[in-house]
C-alpha atoms as a PDB file:
ATOM      1  CA  GLN A   1       0.103   0.096  -0.058  1.00  0.00           C
ATOM      2  CA  VAL A   2       1.250   3.931  -1.099  1.00  0.00           C
ATOM      3  CA  GLN A   3       0.235   6.952   0.703  1.00  0.00           C
ATOM      4  CA  LEU A   4       0.637  10.211  -0.585  1.00  0.00           C
ATOM      5  CA  VAL A   5       1.257  12.843   2.254  1.00  0.00           C
ATOM      6  CA  GLU A   6       1.190  16.668   0.864  1.00  0.00           C
ATOM      7  CA  SER A   7       1.818  19.994   3.253  1.00  0.00           C
ATOM      8  CA  GLY A   8       2.720  22.870   3.179  1.00  0.00           C
ATOM      9  CA  GLY A   9      -0.870  24.581   2.530  1.00  0.00           C
ATOM     10  CA  GLY A  10      -2.140  27.756   3.973  1.00  0.00           C
ATOM     11  CA  LEU A  11      -2.938  30.949   3.578  1.00  0.00           C
ATOM     12  CA  VAL A  12      -1.045  33.860   2.111  1.00  0.00           C
ATOM     13  CA  GLN A  13      -1.536  37.116   0.889  1.00  0.00           C
ATOM     14  CA  ALA A  14      -1.910  37.445  -2.940  1.00  0.00           C
ATOM     15  CA  GLY A  15       2.187  38.133  -4.648  1.00  0.00           C
ATOM     16  CA  GLY A  16       4.107  36.085  -1.745  1.00  0.00           C
ATOM     17  CA  SER A  17       5.189  32.074  -1.938  1.00  0.00           C
ATOM     18  CA  LEU A  18       4.108  28.767  -0.787  1.00  0.00           C
ATOM     19  CA  ARG A  19       6.428  25.611  -1.124  1.00  0.00           C
ATOM     20  CA  LEU A  20       4.136  21.702  -1.341  1.00  0.00           C
ATOM     21  CA  SER A  21       6.107  18.746  -0.313  1.00  0.00           C
ATOM     22  CA  CYS A  22       4.050  15.251  -1.268  1.00  0.00           C
ATOM     23  CA  THR A  23       6.053  12.377  -0.062  1.00  0.00           C
ATOM     24  CA  ALA A  24       5.675   8.844  -0.849  1.00  0.00           C
ATOM     25  CA  SER A  25       5.413   6.133   1.319  1.00  0.00           C
ATOM     26  CA  GLY A  26       4.754   2.408   2.083  1.00  0.00           C
ATOM     27  CA  ILE A  27       6.571  -0.624   0.118  1.00  0.00           C
ATOM     28  CA  ILE A  28       8.563   0.817  -3.280  1.00  0.00           C
ATOM     29  CA  PHE A  29      10.206   0.443  -5.841  1.00  0.00           C
ATOM     30  CA  ARG A  30      10.549   3.695  -8.267  1.00  0.00           C
ATOM     31  CA  CYS A  31       7.874   6.534  -8.283  1.00  0.00           C
ATOM     32  CA  HIS A  32       7.613   7.675 -12.037  1.00  0.00           C
ATOM     33  CA  ASP A  33       5.055  10.306 -13.369  1.00  0.00           C
ATOM     34  CA  MET A  34       4.298  12.476 -10.410  1.00  0.00           C
ATOM     35  CA  GLY A  35       2.094  15.335 -10.033  1.00  0.00           C
ATOM     36  CA  TRP A  36       0.454  18.344  -8.750  1.00  0.00           C
ATOM     37  CA  TYR A  37      -3.482  18.944  -9.569  1.00  0.00           C
ATOM     38  CA  ARG A  38      -6.071  21.552  -8.297  1.00  0.00           C
ATOM     39  CA  GLN A  39      -9.431  22.049  -7.613  1.00  0.00           C
ATOM     40  CA  ALA A  40     -11.255  25.437  -6.692  1.00  0.00           C
ATOM     41  CA  PRO A  41     -15.291  25.035  -5.344  1.00  0.00           C
ATOM     42  CA  GLY A  42     -17.273  24.506  -7.993  1.00  0.00           C
ATOM     43  CA  LYS A  43     -14.604  23.442 -10.668  1.00  0.00           C
ATOM     44  CA  GLN A  44     -13.066  20.487 -12.420  1.00  0.00           C
ATOM     45  CA  ARG A  45     -10.135  19.098 -10.601  1.00  0.00           C
ATOM     46  CA  GLU A  46      -7.253  19.989 -13.347  1.00  0.00           C
ATOM     47  CA  MET A  47      -3.491  19.438 -13.423  1.00  0.00           C
ATOM     48  CA  VAL A  48      -1.214  22.033 -12.128  1.00  0.00           C
ATOM     49  CA  ALA A  49       2.353  20.268 -12.982  1.00  0.00           C
ATOM     50  CA  GLY A  50       3.741  16.999 -13.780  1.00  0.00           C
ATOM     51  CA  ILE A  51       7.865  15.563 -13.708  1.00  0.00           C
ATOM     52  CA  ASN A  52       9.049  12.418 -14.789  1.00  0.00           C
ATOM     53  CA  SER A  53      11.299  10.000 -13.614  1.00  0.00           C
ATOM     54  CA  GLY A  54      13.938  12.139 -16.683  1.00  0.00           C
ATOM     55  CA  ASP A  55      12.835  15.634 -15.353  1.00  0.00           C
ATOM     56  CA  PHE A  56      10.706  16.331 -17.653  1.00  0.00           C
ATOM     57  CA  THR A  57       8.160  18.955 -16.714  1.00  0.00           C
ATOM     58  CA  ASP A  58       5.010  20.457 -18.245  1.00  0.00           C
ATOM     59  CA  TYR A  59       3.147  23.173 -16.703  1.00  0.00           C
ATOM     60  CA  ALA A  60      -0.369  24.006 -16.831  1.00  0.00           C
ATOM     61  CA  ASP A  61      -0.785  27.726 -18.968  1.00  0.00           C
ATOM     62  CA  SER A  62      -2.060  29.591 -16.084  1.00  0.00           C
ATOM     63  CA  VAL A  63       1.519  28.732 -13.435  1.00  0.00           C
ATOM     64  CA  LYS A  64       4.008  28.680 -16.064  1.00  0.00           C
ATOM     65  CA  GLY A  65       6.513  31.242 -14.835  1.00  0.00           C
ATOM     66  CA  ARG A  66       5.477  31.965 -11.686  1.00  0.00           C
ATOM     67  CA  PHE A  67       5.298  28.104 -10.318  1.00  0.00           C
ATOM     68  CA  THR A  68       7.779  25.342 -10.232  1.00  0.00           C
ATOM     69  CA  ILE A  69       7.721  21.628  -9.775  1.00  0.00           C
ATOM     70  CA  SER A  70      10.670  19.225  -8.942  1.00  0.00           C
ATOM     71  CA  ARG A  71      11.540  16.179  -7.019  1.00  0.00           C
ATOM     72  CA  ASP A  72      13.983  14.074  -4.776  1.00  0.00           C
ATOM     73  CA  ASN A  73      13.933   9.973  -6.014  1.00  0.00           C
ATOM     74  CA  ALA A  74      16.016   9.296  -2.884  1.00  0.00           C
ATOM     75  CA  LYS A  75      13.114  10.389  -0.757  1.00  0.00           C
ATOM     76  CA  ASN A  76       9.710  10.093  -2.961  1.00  0.00           C
ATOM     77  CA  THR A  77       8.892  13.503  -2.894  1.00  0.00           C
ATOM     78  CA  VAL A  78       7.258  15.848  -5.762  1.00  0.00           C
ATOM     79  CA  TYR A  79       7.634  20.198  -4.609  1.00  0.00           C
ATOM     80  CA  LEU A  80       5.689  22.607  -6.077  1.00  0.00           C
ATOM     81  CA  GLN A  81       7.274  26.118  -4.736  1.00  0.00           C
ATOM     82  CA  MET A  82       4.274  28.734  -5.689  1.00  0.00           C
ATOM     83  CA  ASN A  83       5.552  32.382  -6.656  1.00  0.00           C
ATOM     84  CA  SER A  84       3.407  35.514  -7.700  1.00  0.00           C
ATOM     85  CA  LEU A  85       0.761  33.352  -5.771  1.00  0.00           C
ATOM     86  CA  GLU A  86      -3.348  35.176  -7.334  1.00  0.00           C
ATOM     87  CA  PRO A  87      -6.661  35.062  -5.499  1.00  0.00           C
ATOM     88  CA  GLU A  88      -7.306  32.122  -8.735  1.00  0.00           C
ATOM     89  CA  ASP A  89      -5.032  30.110  -7.205  1.00  0.00           C
ATOM     90  CA  THR A  90      -6.810  29.253  -4.761  1.00  0.00           C
ATOM     91  CA  ALA A  91      -8.092  25.705  -4.107  1.00  0.00           C
ATOM     92  CA  VAL A  92      -7.457  22.192  -2.742  1.00  0.00           C
ATOM     93  CA  TYR A  93      -3.991  20.954  -3.702  1.00  0.00           C
ATOM     94  CA  PHE A  94      -3.747  16.933  -4.758  1.00  0.00           C
ATOM     95  CA  CYS A  95      -0.365  15.176  -4.863  1.00  0.00           C
ATOM     96  CA  ASN A  96      -0.623  12.322  -7.734  1.00  0.00           C
ATOM     97  CA  ALA A  97       2.374   9.818  -8.330  1.00  0.00           C
ATOM     98  CA  GLU A  98       2.747   6.818 -10.160  1.00  0.00           C
ATOM     99  CA  CYS A  99       4.875   4.294  -8.520  1.00  0.00           C
ATOM    100  CA  THR A 100       6.163   0.707  -8.923  1.00  0.00           C
ATOM    101  CA  THR A 101       5.450  -1.538  -5.297  1.00  0.00           C
ATOM    102  CA  ILE A 102       5.563  -5.198  -5.008  1.00  0.00           C
ATOM    103  CA  GLY A 103       4.162  -7.053  -8.397  1.00  0.00           C
ATOM    104  CA  ARG A 104       2.084  -3.315  -9.403  1.00  0.00           C
ATOM    105  CA  ARG A 105       2.097  -0.463 -11.188  1.00  0.00           C
ATOM    106  CA  SER A 106      -0.395   2.552  -9.978  1.00  0.00           C
ATOM    107  CA  ALA A 107      -1.230   5.856  -9.731  1.00  0.00           C
ATOM    108  CA  TYR A 108      -2.077   6.840  -6.024  1.00  0.00           C
ATOM    109  CA  TRP A 109      -3.567  10.127  -5.232  1.00  0.00           C
ATOM    110  CA  GLY A 110      -3.004  12.397  -1.511  1.00  0.00           C
ATOM    111  CA  GLN A 111      -6.116  13.637   0.564  1.00  0.00           C
ATOM    112  CA  GLY A 112      -5.219  17.228  -0.712  1.00  0.00           C
ATOM    113  CA  THR A 113      -4.226  20.668   0.963  1.00  0.00           C
ATOM    114  CA  GLN A 114      -5.820  23.994   1.107  1.00  0.00           C
ATOM    115  CA  VAL A 115      -4.506  26.869  -0.715  1.00  0.00           C
ATOM    116  CA  THR A 116      -6.300  29.809  -0.187  1.00  0.00           C
ATOM    117  CA  VAL A 117      -4.734  33.487  -1.589  1.00  0.00           C
ATOM    118  CA  SER A 118      -6.204  36.346  -0.404  1.00  0.00           C
ATOM    119  CA  SER A 119      -6.893  39.749  -2.756  1.00  0.00           C
END
């Protein structure tokens, strides 16, 4: 069983910064694609940023130039550095990781962490 635990959310003023972390725990051989999604009230969940095992990154247009995704494979951890935050970034942020455990490769979700940006 793999569990993803996020941390780093909170309340910040517009223009401020936050850093989210997500660590995968359990019997893990390796994690492959990892990423961050977000869901605002009344909206569908959307991809924010992704990073694969080769450190190739991809970002939603709305966060390009402001957010940076990175990973530490030794710790099975993915980070999201969020700068120049805007009220429109307010959402619950979810971590997603595709990891290989004993006998299977599956995608897992974290429980979510709230990010609130005040104007």
